[in-house]
PDB file of all heavy atoms in Angstrom:
ATOM      1  N   CYS A   1      68.666   6.499  96.434  1.00  0.00           N
ATOM      2  CA  CYS A   1      67.628   5.642  95.880  1.00  0.00           C
ATOM      3  C   CYS A   1      67.862   5.548  94.370  1.00  0.00           C
ATOM      4  O   CYS A   1      67.587   6.511  93.657  1.00  0.00           O
ATOM      5  CB  CYS A   1      66.241   6.170  96.190  1.00  0.00           C
ATOM      6  SG  CYS A   1      64.909   5.066  95.622  1.00  0.00           S
ATOM      7  N   SER A   2      68.351   4.401  93.926  1.00  0.00           N
ATOM      8  CA  SER A   2      68.707   4.244  92.515  1.00  0.00           C
ATOM      9  C   SER A   2      67.789   3.303  91.785  1.00  0.00           C
ATOM     10  O   SER A   2      67.995   3.024  90.583  1.00  0.00           O
ATOM     11  CB  SER A   2      70.137   3.734  92.383  1.00  0.00           C
ATOM     12  OG  SER A   2      70.281   2.475  93.035  1.00  0.00           O
ATOM     13  N   ALA A   3      66.761   2.772  92.449  1.00  0.00           N
ATOM     14  CA  ALA A   3      65.879   1.798  91.765  1.00  0.00           C
ATOM     15  C   ALA A   3      64.503   1.791  92.465  1.00  0.00           C
ATOM     16  O   ALA A   3      64.384   1.999  93.672  1.00  0.00           O
ATOM     17  CB  ALA A   3      66.488   0.394  91.832  1.00  0.00           C
ATOM     18  N   THR A   4      63.500   1.545  91.638  1.00  0.00           N
ATOM     19  CA  THR A   4      62.154   1.258  92.141  1.00  0.00           C
ATOM     20  C   THR A   4      61.692  -0.049  91.542  1.00  0.00           C
ATOM     21  O   THR A   4      61.915  -0.299  90.344  1.00  0.00           O
ATOM     22  CB  THR A   4      61.161   2.384  91.816  1.00  0.00           C
ATOM     23  OG1 THR A   4      59.865   2.088  92.403  1.00  0.00           O
ATOM     24  CG2 THR A   4      60.996   2.632  90.356  1.00  0.00           C
ATOM     25  N   ALA A   5      61.055  -0.899  92.363  1.00  0.00           N
ATOM     26  CA  ALA A   5      60.635  -2.211  91.919  1.00  0.00           C
ATOM     27  C   ALA A   5      59.107  -2.294  92.084  1.00  0.00           C
ATOM     28  O   ALA A   5      58.596  -1.998  93.172  1.00  0.00           O
ATOM     29  CB  ALA A   5      61.312  -3.323  92.720  1.00  0.00           C
ATOM     30  N   VAL A   6      58.414  -2.702  91.025  1.00  0.00           N
ATOM     31  CA  VAL A   6      56.977  -2.767  91.041  1.00  0.00           C
ATOM     32  C   VAL A   6      56.514  -4.105  90.460  1.00  0.00           C
ATOM     33  O   VAL A   6      57.188  -4.731  89.681  1.00  0.00           O
ATOM     34  CB  VAL A   6      56.323  -1.613  90.211  1.00  0.00           C
ATOM     35  CG1 VAL A   6      56.728  -0.270  90.787  1.00  0.00           C
ATOM     36  CG2 VAL A   6      56.703  -1.704  88.747  1.00  0.00           C
ATOM     37  N   ILE A   7      55.316  -4.534  90.913  1.00  0.00           N
ATOM     38  CA  ILE A   7      54.746  -5.735  90.342  1.00  0.00           C
ATOM     39  C   ILE A   7      54.255  -5.477  88.922  1.00  0.00           C
ATOM     40  O   ILE A   7      54.523  -6.256  88.023  1.00  0.00           O
ATOM     41  CB  ILE A   7      53.552  -6.174  91.225  1.00  0.00           C
ATOM     42  CG1 ILE A   7      54.002  -6.499  92.614  1.00  0.00           C
ATOM     43  CG2 ILE A   7      52.835  -7.375  90.583  1.00  0.00           C
ATOM     44  CD1 ILE A   7      52.888  -6.573  93.651  1.00  0.00           C
ATOM     45  N   PHE A   8      53.603  -4.329  88.721  1.00  0.00           N
ATOM     46  CA  PHE A   8      52.974  -4.078  87.427  1.00  0.00           C
ATOM     47  C   PHE A   8      53.416  -2.714  86.887  1.00  0.00           C
ATOM     48  O   PHE A   8      53.368  -1.708  87.605  1.00  0.00           O
ATOM     49  CB  PHE A   8      51.446  -4.059  87.601  1.00  0.00           C
ATOM     50  CG  PHE A   8      50.706  -4.124  86.292  1.00  0.00           C
ATOM     51  CD1 PHE A   8      50.425  -5.336  85.682  1.00  0.00           C
ATOM     52  CD2 PHE A   8      50.262  -2.955  85.700  1.00  0.00           C
ATOM     53  CE1 PHE A   8      49.746  -5.378  84.482  1.00  0.00           C
ATOM     54  CE2 PHE A   8      49.548  -3.026  84.498  1.00  0.00           C
ATOM     55  CZ  PHE A   8      49.301  -4.229  83.898  1.00  0.00           C
ATOM     56  N   TYR A   9      53.822  -2.722  85.636  1.00  0.00           N
ATOM     57  CA  TYR A   9      54.230  -1.498  84.895  1.00  0.00           C
ATOM     58  C   TYR A   9      53.326  -1.419  83.657  1.00  0.00           C
ATOM     59  O   TYR A   9      53.298  -2.350  82.887  1.00  0.00           O
ATOM     60  CB  TYR A   9      55.703  -1.571  84.540  1.00  0.00           C
ATOM     61  CG  TYR A   9      56.195  -0.589  83.523  1.00  0.00           C
ATOM     62  CD1 TYR A   9      55.797   0.777  83.587  1.00  0.00           C
ATOM     63  CD2 TYR A   9      57.057  -0.979  82.492  1.00  0.00           C
ATOM     64  CE1 TYR A   9      56.271   1.678  82.667  1.00  0.00           C
ATOM     65  CE2 TYR A   9      57.536  -0.060  81.583  1.00  0.00           C
ATOM     66  CZ  TYR A   9      57.140   1.262  81.656  1.00  0.00           C
ATOM     67  OH  TYR A   9      57.591   2.176  80.764  1.00  0.00           O
ATOM     68  N   TYR A  10      52.626  -0.304  83.507  1.00  0.00           N
ATOM     69  CA  TYR A  10      51.745  -0.181  82.369  1.00  0.00           C
ATOM     70  C   TYR A  10      52.417  -0.493  81.041  1.00  0.00           C
ATOM     71  O   TYR A  10      51.914  -1.198  80.214  1.00  0.00           O
ATOM     72  CB  TYR A  10      51.146   1.238  82.327  1.00  0.00           C
ATOM     73  CG  TYR A  10      49.840   1.379  83.112  1.00  0.00           C
ATOM     74  CD1 TYR A  10      49.749   0.874  84.391  1.00  0.00           C
ATOM     75  CD2 TYR A  10      48.748   2.030  82.565  1.00  0.00           C
ATOM     76  CE1 TYR A  10      48.567   1.006  85.134  1.00  0.00           C
ATOM     77  CE2 TYR A  10      47.563   2.177  83.273  1.00  0.00           C
ATOM     78  CZ  TYR A  10      47.468   1.650  84.547  1.00  0.00           C
ATOM     79  OH  TYR A  10      46.347   1.809  85.269  1.00  0.00           O
ATOM     80  N   GLY A  11      53.568   0.120  80.793  1.00  0.00           N
ATOM     81  CA  GLY A  11      54.356  -0.185  79.588  1.00  0.00           C
ATOM     82  C   GLY A  11      53.763   0.312  78.321  1.00  0.00           C
ATOM     83  O   GLY A  11      54.056  -0.214  77.244  1.00  0.00           O
ATOM     84  N   ILE A  12      52.891   1.356  78.389  1.00  0.00           N
ATOM     85  CA  ILE A  12      52.223   1.830  77.189  1.00  0.00           C
ATOM     86  C   ILE A  12      52.404   3.333  76.961  1.00  0.00           C
ATOM     87  O   ILE A  12      51.958   3.844  75.923  1.00  0.00           O
ATOM     88  CB  ILE A  12      50.701   1.491  77.216  1.00  0.00           C
ATOM     89  CG1 ILE A  12      50.036   2.104  78.450  1.00  0.00           C
ATOM     90  CG2 ILE A  12      50.486   0.007  77.160  1.00  0.00           C
ATOM     91  CD1 ILE A  12      48.511   1.934  78.481  1.00  0.00           C
ATOM     92  N   PHE A  13      53.039   3.992  77.897  1.00  0.00           N
ATOM     93  CA  PHE A  13      53.254   5.446  77.780  1.00  0.00           C
ATOM     94  C   PHE A  13      54.719   5.714  77.438  1.00  0.00           C
ATOM     95  O   PHE A  13      55.623   5.160  78.035  1.00  0.00           O
ATOM     96  CB  PHE A  13      52.825   6.166  79.058  1.00  0.00           C
ATOM     97  CG  PHE A  13      51.385   6.022  79.390  1.00  0.00           C
ATOM     98  CD1 PHE A  13      50.975   5.293  80.500  1.00  0.00           C
ATOM     99  CD2 PHE A  13      50.402   6.559  78.574  1.00  0.00           C
ATOM    100  CE1 PHE A  13      49.655   5.115  80.808  1.00  0.00           C
ATOM    101  CE2 PHE A  13      49.055   6.395  78.860  1.00  0.00           C
ATOM    102  CZ  PHE A  13      48.683   5.678  79.973  1.00  0.00           C
ATOM    103  N   ASP A  14      54.920   6.632  76.526  1.00  0.00           N
ATOM    104  CA  ASP A  14      56.309   6.948  76.077  1.00  0.00           C
ATOM    105  C   ASP A  14      57.092   7.683  77.149  1.00  0.00           C
ATOM    106  O   ASP A  14      56.550   8.516  77.901  1.00  0.00           O
ATOM    107  CB  ASP A  14      56.286   7.805  74.801  1.00  0.00           C
ATOM    108  CG  ASP A  14      55.691   7.106  73.623  1.00  0.00           C
ATOM    109  OD1 ASP A  14      55.793   5.855  73.582  1.00  0.00           O
ATOM    110  OD2 ASP A  14      55.144   7.787  72.713  1.00  0.00           O
ATOM    111  N   GLY A  15      58.365   7.375  77.223  1.00  0.00           N
ATOM    112  CA  GLY A  15      59.281   8.185  78.019  1.00  0.00           C
ATOM    113  C   GLY A  15      59.375   7.904  79.483  1.00  0.00           C
ATOM    114  O   GLY A  15      60.075   8.568  80.208  1.00  0.00           O
ATOM    115  N   VAL A  16      58.611   6.866  79.984  1.00  0.00           N
ATOM    116  CA  VAL A  16      58.566   6.648  81.424  1.00  0.00           C
ATOM    117  C   VAL A  16      59.939   6.235  81.943  1.00  0.00           C
ATOM    118  O   VAL A  16      60.480   6.788  82.909  1.00  0.00           O
ATOM    119  CB  VAL A  16      57.523   5.593  81.799  1.00  0.00           C
ATOM    120  CG1 VAL A  16      57.554   5.263  83.262  1.00  0.00           C
ATOM    121  CG2 VAL A  16      56.137   6.019  81.348  1.00  0.00           C
ATOM    122  N   GLU A  17      60.531   5.221  81.308  1.00  0.00           N
ATOM    123  CA  GLU A  17      61.854   4.735  81.775  1.00  0.00           C
ATOM    124  C   GLU A  17      62.921   5.816  81.587  1.00  0.00           C
ATOM    125  O   GLU A  17      63.854   5.884  82.432  1.00  0.00           O
ATOM    126  CB  GLU A  17      62.210   3.419  81.073  1.00  0.00           C
ATOM    127  CG  GLU A  17      61.285   2.292  81.486  1.00  0.00           C
ATOM    128  CD  GLU A  17      61.580   0.991  80.815  1.00  0.00           C
ATOM    129  OE1 GLU A  17      62.691   0.465  81.058  1.00  0.00           O
ATOM    130  OE2 GLU A  17      60.753   0.478  80.064  1.00  0.00           O
ATOM    131  N   LYS A  18      62.787   6.654  80.598  1.00  0.00           N
ATOM    132  CA  LYS A  18      63.766   7.735  80.400  1.00  0.00           C
ATOM    133  C   LYS A  18      63.603   8.788  81.509  1.00  0.00           C
ATOM    134  O   LYS A  18      64.596   9.279  82.063  1.00  0.00           O
ATOM    135  CB  LYS A  18      63.595   8.399  79.022  1.00  0.00           C
ATOM    136  CG  LYS A  18      64.630   9.498  78.784  1.00  0.00           C
ATOM    137  CD  LYS A  18      64.461  10.156  77.425  1.00  0.00           C
ATOM    138  CE  LYS A  18      65.586  11.126  77.114  1.00  0.00           C
ATOM    139  NZ  LYS A  18      65.761  12.136  78.152  1.00  0.00           N
ATOM    140  N   THR A  19      62.344   9.103  81.817  1.00  0.00           N
ATOM    141  CA  THR A  19      62.097  10.105  82.909  1.00  0.00           C
ATOM    142  C   THR A  19      62.696   9.600  84.203  1.00  0.00           C
ATOM    143  O   THR A  19      63.368  10.380  84.927  1.00  0.00           O
ATOM    144  CB  THR A  19      60.592  10.316  83.094  1.00  0.00           C
ATOM    145  OG1 THR A  19      60.055  10.892  81.873  1.00  0.00           O
ATOM    146  CG2 THR A  19      60.321  11.269  84.235  1.00  0.00           C
ATOM    147  N   LEU A  20      62.465   8.323  84.536  1.00  0.00           N
ATOM    148  CA  LEU A  20      63.037   7.766  85.774  1.00  0.00           C
ATOM    149  C   LEU A  20      64.551   7.721  85.638  1.00  0.00           C
ATOM    150  O   LEU A  20      65.268   8.051  86.611  1.00  0.00           O
ATOM    151  CB  LEU A  20      62.454   6.394  86.023  1.00  0.00           C
ATOM    152  CG  LEU A  20      60.986   6.336  86.448  1.00  0.00           C
ATOM    153  CD1 LEU A  20      60.482   4.876  86.419  1.00  0.00           C
ATOM    154  CD2 LEU A  20      60.827   6.887  87.833  1.00  0.00           C
ATOM    155  N   GLY A  21      65.037   7.284  84.503  1.00  0.00           N
ATOM    156  CA  GLY A  21      66.503   7.191  84.303  1.00  0.00           C
ATOM    157  C   GLY A  21      67.197   8.515  84.434  1.00  0.00           C
ATOM    158  O   GLY A  21      68.282   8.625  85.007  1.00  0.00           O
ATOM    159  N   ASP A  22      66.565   9.589  83.896  1.00  0.00           N
ATOM    160  CA  ASP A  22      67.149  10.914  84.013  1.00  0.00           C
ATOM    161  C   ASP A  22      67.206  11.368  85.459  1.00  0.00           C
ATOM    162  O   ASP A  22      68.006  12.232  85.827  1.00  0.00           O
ATOM    163  CB  ASP A  22      66.328  11.945  83.214  1.00  0.00           C
ATOM    164  CG  ASP A  22      66.511  11.750  81.705  1.00  0.00           C
ATOM    165  OD1 ASP A  22      67.442  11.019  81.314  1.00  0.00           O
ATOM    166  OD2 ASP A  22      65.686  12.311  80.941  1.00  0.00           O
ATOM    167  N   HIS A  23      66.347  10.783  86.326  1.00  0.00           N
ATOM    168  CA  HIS A  23      66.338  11.077  87.743  1.00  0.00           C
ATOM    169  C   HIS A  23      67.252  10.098  88.523  1.00  0.00           C
ATOM    170  O   HIS A  23      67.251  10.108  89.741  1.00  0.00           O
ATOM    171  CB  HIS A  23      64.887  10.984  88.270  1.00  0.00           C
ATOM    172  CG  HIS A  23      64.595  11.877  89.435  1.00  0.00           C
ATOM    173  ND1 HIS A  23      64.589  13.258  89.333  1.00  0.00           N
ATOM    174  CD2 HIS A  23      64.337  11.603  90.741  1.00  0.00           C
ATOM    175  CE1 HIS A  23      64.300  13.778  90.545  1.00  0.00           C
ATOM    176  NE2 HIS A  23      64.140  12.774  91.393  1.00  0.00           N
ATOM    177  N   GLY A  24      67.950   9.261  87.774  1.00  0.00           N
ATOM    178  CA  GLY A  24      68.848   8.303  88.402  1.00  0.00           C
ATOM    179  C   GLY A  24      68.162   7.092  89.012  1.00  0.00           C
ATOM    180  O   GLY A  24      68.707   6.512  89.938  1.00  0.00           O
ATOM    181  N   VAL A  25      67.010   6.721  88.430  1.00  0.00           N
ATOM    182  CA  VAL A  25      66.251   5.636  89.040  1.00  0.00           C
ATOM    183  C   VAL A  25      65.988   4.543  87.963  1.00  0.00           C
ATOM    184  O   VAL A  25      65.482   4.818  86.884  1.00  0.00           O
ATOM    185  CB  VAL A  25      64.861   6.146  89.552  1.00  0.00           C
ATOM    186  CG1 VAL A  25      64.103   4.970  90.132  1.00  0.00           C
ATOM    187  CG2 VAL A  25      65.058   7.237  90.588  1.00  0.00           C
ATOM    188  N   GLN A  26      66.408   3.338  88.309  1.00  0.00           N
ATOM    189  CA  GLN A  26      66.147   2.170  87.450  1.00  0.00           C
ATOM    190  C   GLN A  26      64.794   1.596  87.760  1.00  0.00           C
ATOM    191  O   GLN A  26      64.400   1.467  88.920  1.00  0.00           O
ATOM    192  CB  GLN A  26      67.227   1.124  87.729  1.00  0.00           C
ATOM    193  CG  GLN A  26      67.042  -0.253  87.023  1.00  0.00           C
ATOM    194  CD  GLN A  26      68.040  -1.263  87.522  1.00  0.00           C
ATOM    195  OE1 GLN A  26      68.791  -1.032  88.458  1.00  0.00           O
ATOM    196  NE2 GLN A  26      68.051  -2.444  86.877  1.00  0.00           N
ATOM    197  N   LEU A  27      64.040   1.198  86.747  1.00  0.00           N
ATOM    198  CA  LEU A  27      62.733   0.622  86.906  1.00  0.00           C
ATOM    199  C   LEU A  27      62.814  -0.903  86.743  1.00  0.00           C
ATOM    200  O   LEU A  27      63.237  -1.435  85.740  1.00  0.00           O
ATOM    201  CB  LEU A  27      61.727   1.160  85.902  1.00  0.00           C
ATOM    202  CG  LEU A  27      60.324   0.507  85.913  1.00  0.00           C
ATOM    203  CD1 LEU A  27      59.623   0.770  87.251  1.00  0.00           C
ATOM    204  CD2 LEU A  27      59.474   1.085  84.772  1.00  0.00           C
ATOM    205  N   ILE A  28      62.379  -1.614  87.808  1.00  0.00           N
ATOM    206  CA  ILE A  28      62.329  -3.086  87.803  1.00  0.00           C
ATOM    207  C   ILE A  28      60.878  -3.492  87.924  1.00  0.00           C
ATOM    208  O   ILE A  28      60.188  -2.976  88.800  1.00  0.00           O
ATOM    209  CB  ILE A  28      63.153  -3.660  88.998  1.00  0.00           C
ATOM    210  CG1 ILE A  28      64.624  -3.223  88.855  1.00  0.00           C
ATOM    211  CG2 ILE A  28      63.015  -5.162  89.071  1.00  0.00           C
ATOM    212  CD1 ILE A  28      65.414  -3.426  90.164  1.00  0.00           C
TER     213      ILE A  28
END
């Protein structure tokens, strides 16, 4: 599982995409 796709991403908290990226997960 290399990606998660969501309708809505808060986009206001630091480090979310890095946390997912470090786990090998792309956020769409």
